[in-house]
Amino acid sequence: MANLQTNKQKQYYIPLELTPETVITEEYKDCEVRWSKIGNRRVRTILIPATKEQYYEFMRPLWREDKRQQRHGADEI
């Protein structure tokens, strides 16, 4: 019974890569910095809340490039 799904909406977050050029607004200055995988790279990020549509719009090209590199990466080296 404890594993039953609830009616809560799933939360989506876009990983924002932190670089020296990244501008962070006051709203996100105190966010937890964590390591995330974007494509095939591990980078320092903060998580930005997003809608499901925004999340998929942002992540699909990254997933597509990651999958392309998995298939053809050895050929390009």
N, C-alpha and C. Protein backbone atom coordinates (compact mmCIF):
# COMPACT_ATOMS: atom_id res chain seq x y z
N MET A 1 0.81 -1.19 0.00
CA MET A 1 0.00 0.00 0.00
C MET A 1 0.85 1.25 0.00
N ALA A 2 2.02 1.22 0.61
CA ALA A 2 2.87 2.40 0.70
C ALA A 2 3.42 2.82 -0.65
N ASN A 3 3.44 1.92 -1.64
CA ASN A 3 3.99 2.24 -2.94
C ASN A 3 2.96 2.75 -3.93
N LEU A 4 1.74 2.97 -3.51
CA LEU A 4 0.72 3.48 -4.41
C LEU A 4 1.03 4.90 -4.82
N GLN A 5 0.78 5.21 -6.10
CA GLN A 5 1.01 6.56 -6.58
C GLN A 5 -0.07 7.49 -6.05
N THR A 6 0.33 8.72 -5.81
CA THR A 6 -0.64 9.72 -5.39
C THR A 6 -1.01 10.58 -6.58
N ASN A 7 -1.95 11.48 -6.40
CA ASN A 7 -2.40 12.35 -7.47
C ASN A 7 -1.53 13.60 -7.61
N LYS A 8 -0.42 13.65 -6.92
CA LYS A 8 0.45 14.82 -7.00
C LYS A 8 1.08 14.92 -8.39
N GLN A 9 1.25 16.16 -8.84
CA GLN A 9 1.91 16.41 -10.11
C GLN A 9 3.42 16.18 -9.96
N LYS A 10 4.04 15.60 -10.97
CA LYS A 10 5.48 15.40 -10.95
C LYS A 10 6.16 16.75 -11.16
N GLN A 11 7.22 17.01 -10.42
CA GLN A 11 7.99 18.25 -10.56
C GLN A 11 9.09 18.03 -11.59
N TYR A 12 9.28 19.01 -12.47
CA TYR A 12 10.32 18.97 -13.48
C TYR A 12 11.31 20.08 -13.21
N TYR A 13 12.61 19.79 -13.41
CA TYR A 13 13.66 20.77 -13.18
C TYR A 13 14.64 20.75 -14.34
N ILE A 14 15.02 21.93 -14.80
CA ILE A 14 16.02 22.06 -15.86
C ILE A 14 17.36 22.32 -15.18
N PRO A 15 18.38 21.53 -15.51
CA PRO A 15 19.71 21.77 -14.92
C PRO A 15 20.38 22.94 -15.62
N LEU A 16 20.70 23.99 -14.87
CA LEU A 16 21.39 25.16 -15.41
C LEU A 16 22.86 25.02 -15.09
N GLU A 17 23.69 24.91 -16.13
CA GLU A 17 25.14 24.75 -15.93
C GLU A 17 25.74 26.04 -15.39
N LEU A 18 26.56 25.90 -14.38
CA LEU A 18 27.23 27.05 -13.79
C LEU A 18 28.62 27.19 -14.39
N THR A 19 28.85 28.32 -15.04
CA THR A 19 30.15 28.66 -15.60
C THR A 19 30.51 30.04 -15.09
N PRO A 20 31.73 30.50 -15.30
CA PRO A 20 32.07 31.87 -14.87
C PRO A 20 31.20 32.94 -15.54
N GLU A 21 30.63 32.64 -16.71
CA GLU A 21 29.79 33.60 -17.42
C GLU A 21 28.31 33.53 -17.00
N THR A 22 27.92 32.52 -16.24
CA THR A 22 26.52 32.36 -15.85
C THR A 22 26.10 33.49 -14.91
N VAL A 23 24.97 34.11 -15.25
CA VAL A 23 24.41 35.17 -14.41
C VAL A 23 23.28 34.56 -13.60
N ILE A 24 23.38 34.65 -12.27
CA ILE A 24 22.38 34.08 -11.37
C ILE A 24 21.59 35.23 -10.74
N THR A 25 20.26 35.15 -10.80
CA THR A 25 19.43 36.18 -10.19
C THR A 25 19.37 35.96 -8.68
N GLU A 26 18.89 36.98 -7.98
CA GLU A 26 18.79 36.90 -6.51
C GLU A 26 17.96 35.70 -6.07
N GLU A 27 16.95 35.38 -6.85
CA GLU A 27 16.05 34.27 -6.52
C GLU A 27 16.79 32.93 -6.40
N TYR A 28 17.86 32.75 -7.18
CA TYR A 28 18.57 31.47 -7.23
C TYR A 28 19.96 31.51 -6.61
N LYS A 29 20.36 32.63 -6.00
CA LYS A 29 21.71 32.76 -5.45
C LYS A 29 22.02 31.72 -4.36
N ASP A 30 21.03 31.35 -3.56
CA ASP A 30 21.26 30.43 -2.44
C ASP A 30 20.86 28.99 -2.76
N CYS A 31 20.63 28.68 -4.04
CA CYS A 31 20.26 27.31 -4.42
C CYS A 31 21.43 26.36 -4.22
N GLU A 32 21.08 25.13 -3.97
CA GLU A 32 22.09 24.09 -3.80
C GLU A 32 22.76 23.82 -5.14
N VAL A 33 24.09 23.82 -5.15
CA VAL A 33 24.85 23.49 -6.35
C VAL A 33 25.14 22.00 -6.30
N ARG A 34 24.88 21.33 -7.42
CA ARG A 34 25.08 19.88 -7.47
C ARG A 34 25.70 19.51 -8.80
N TRP A 35 26.25 18.32 -8.85
CA TRP A 35 26.80 17.79 -10.09
C TRP A 35 25.69 17.08 -10.84
N SER A 36 25.57 17.39 -12.13
CA SER A 36 24.56 16.76 -12.98
C SER A 36 25.22 16.32 -14.27
N LYS A 37 24.57 15.41 -14.94
CA LYS A 37 25.06 14.98 -16.24
C LYS A 37 24.21 15.67 -17.30
N ILE A 38 24.85 16.45 -18.14
CA ILE A 38 24.18 17.09 -19.28
C ILE A 38 24.83 16.50 -20.51
N GLY A 39 24.05 15.76 -21.29
CA GLY A 39 24.64 15.03 -22.40
C GLY A 39 25.56 13.97 -21.83
N ASN A 40 26.82 13.99 -22.27
CA ASN A 40 27.77 13.02 -21.72
C ASN A 40 28.80 13.70 -20.81
N ARG A 41 28.51 14.91 -20.36
CA ARG A 41 29.42 15.67 -19.50
C ARG A 41 28.85 15.79 -18.10
N ARG A 42 29.75 15.76 -17.11
CA ARG A 42 29.36 16.03 -15.71
C ARG A 42 29.70 17.48 -15.44
N VAL A 43 28.71 18.27 -15.02
CA VAL A 43 28.91 19.70 -14.80
C VAL A 43 28.23 20.13 -13.50
N ARG A 44 28.69 21.27 -12.96
CA ARG A 44 28.06 21.85 -11.77
C ARG A 44 26.80 22.58 -12.23
N THR A 45 25.68 22.34 -11.54
CA THR A 45 24.40 22.93 -11.94
C THR A 45 23.59 23.35 -10.73
N ILE A 46 22.59 24.17 -11.02
CA ILE A 46 21.48 24.39 -10.09
C ILE A 46 20.23 23.96 -10.85
N LEU A 47 19.22 23.56 -10.13
CA LEU A 47 17.99 23.08 -10.76
C LEU A 47 16.95 24.19 -10.78
N ILE A 48 16.42 24.47 -11.97
CA ILE A 48 15.42 25.50 -12.17
C ILE A 48 14.06 24.83 -12.39
N PRO A 49 13.04 25.17 -11.60
CA PRO A 49 11.72 24.57 -11.80
C PRO A 49 11.18 24.90 -13.19
N ALA A 50 10.52 23.93 -13.81
CA ALA A 50 9.99 24.10 -15.15
C ALA A 50 8.72 23.29 -15.31
N THR A 51 7.96 23.61 -16.35
CA THR A 51 6.80 22.80 -16.69
C THR A 51 7.28 21.58 -17.47
N LYS A 52 6.40 20.62 -17.65
CA LYS A 52 6.75 19.42 -18.39
C LYS A 52 7.16 19.77 -19.82
N GLU A 53 6.44 20.69 -20.44
CA GLU A 53 6.73 21.09 -21.81
C GLU A 53 8.09 21.77 -21.92
N GLN A 54 8.39 22.67 -20.98
CA GLN A 54 9.69 23.35 -20.98
C GLN A 54 10.81 22.35 -20.78
N TYR A 55 10.62 21.42 -19.87
CA TYR A 55 11.63 20.41 -19.57
C TYR A 55 11.96 19.58 -20.81
N TYR A 56 10.92 19.07 -21.48
CA TYR A 56 11.16 18.24 -22.65
C TYR A 56 11.75 19.05 -23.81
N GLU A 57 11.32 20.29 -23.97
CA GLU A 57 11.86 21.16 -25.02
C GLU A 57 13.36 21.38 -24.80
N PHE A 58 13.78 21.54 -23.57
CA PHE A 58 15.19 21.77 -23.24
C PHE A 58 16.01 20.48 -23.34
N MET A 59 15.47 19.37 -22.85
CA MET A 59 16.25 18.14 -22.71
C MET A 59 16.32 17.29 -23.99
N ARG A 60 15.30 17.32 -24.84
CA ARG A 60 15.29 16.45 -26.02
C ARG A 60 16.54 16.60 -26.89
N PRO A 61 16.96 17.82 -27.24
CA PRO A 61 18.19 17.92 -28.05
C PRO A 61 19.41 17.34 -27.33
N LEU A 62 19.49 17.49 -26.02
CA LEU A 62 20.60 16.93 -25.27
C LEU A 62 20.57 15.42 -25.30
N TRP A 63 19.39 14.86 -25.12
CA TRP A 63 19.24 13.40 -25.18
C TRP A 63 19.57 12.88 -26.57
N ARG A 64 19.13 13.62 -27.60
CA ARG A 64 19.37 13.21 -28.98
C ARG A 64 20.88 13.19 -29.27
N GLU A 65 21.60 14.23 -28.85
CA GLU A 65 23.04 14.30 -29.07
C GLU A 65 23.76 13.22 -28.29
N ASP A 66 23.34 12.97 -27.07
CA ASP A 66 23.94 11.91 -26.25
C ASP A 66 23.77 10.56 -26.92
N LYS A 67 22.58 10.29 -27.42
CA LYS A 67 22.31 9.01 -28.08
C LYS A 67 23.13 8.89 -29.37
N ARG A 68 23.27 9.99 -30.12
CA ARG A 68 24.07 9.99 -31.34
C ARG A 68 25.53 9.66 -31.02
N GLN A 69 26.05 10.25 -29.95
CA GLN A 69 27.42 9.98 -29.55
C GLN A 69 27.60 8.55 -29.07
N GLN A 70 26.59 7.99 -28.43
CA GLN A 70 26.67 6.59 -28.01
C GLN A 70 26.75 5.67 -29.22
N ARG A 71 25.98 6.01 -30.26
CA ARG A 71 25.96 5.16 -31.47
C ARG A 71 27.20 5.33 -32.32
N HIS A 72 27.65 6.58 -32.48
CA HIS A 72 28.69 6.88 -33.45
C HIS A 72 29.95 7.46 -32.85
N GLY A 73 30.02 7.57 -31.53
CA GLY A 73 31.17 8.19 -30.89
C GLY A 73 32.50 7.53 -31.20
N ALA A 74 32.51 6.22 -31.25
CA ALA A 74 33.75 5.50 -31.52
C ALA A 74 34.23 5.77 -32.95
N ASP A 75 33.31 6.01 -33.89
CA ASP A 75 33.68 6.28 -35.27
C ASP A 75 34.30 7.65 -35.44
N GLU A 76 33.93 8.61 -34.57
CA GLU A 76 34.38 9.99 -34.74
C GLU A 76 35.73 10.26 -34.09
N ILE A 77 36.21 9.35 -33.27
CA ILE A 77 37.48 9.59 -32.55
C ILE A 77 38.67 9.37 -33.47
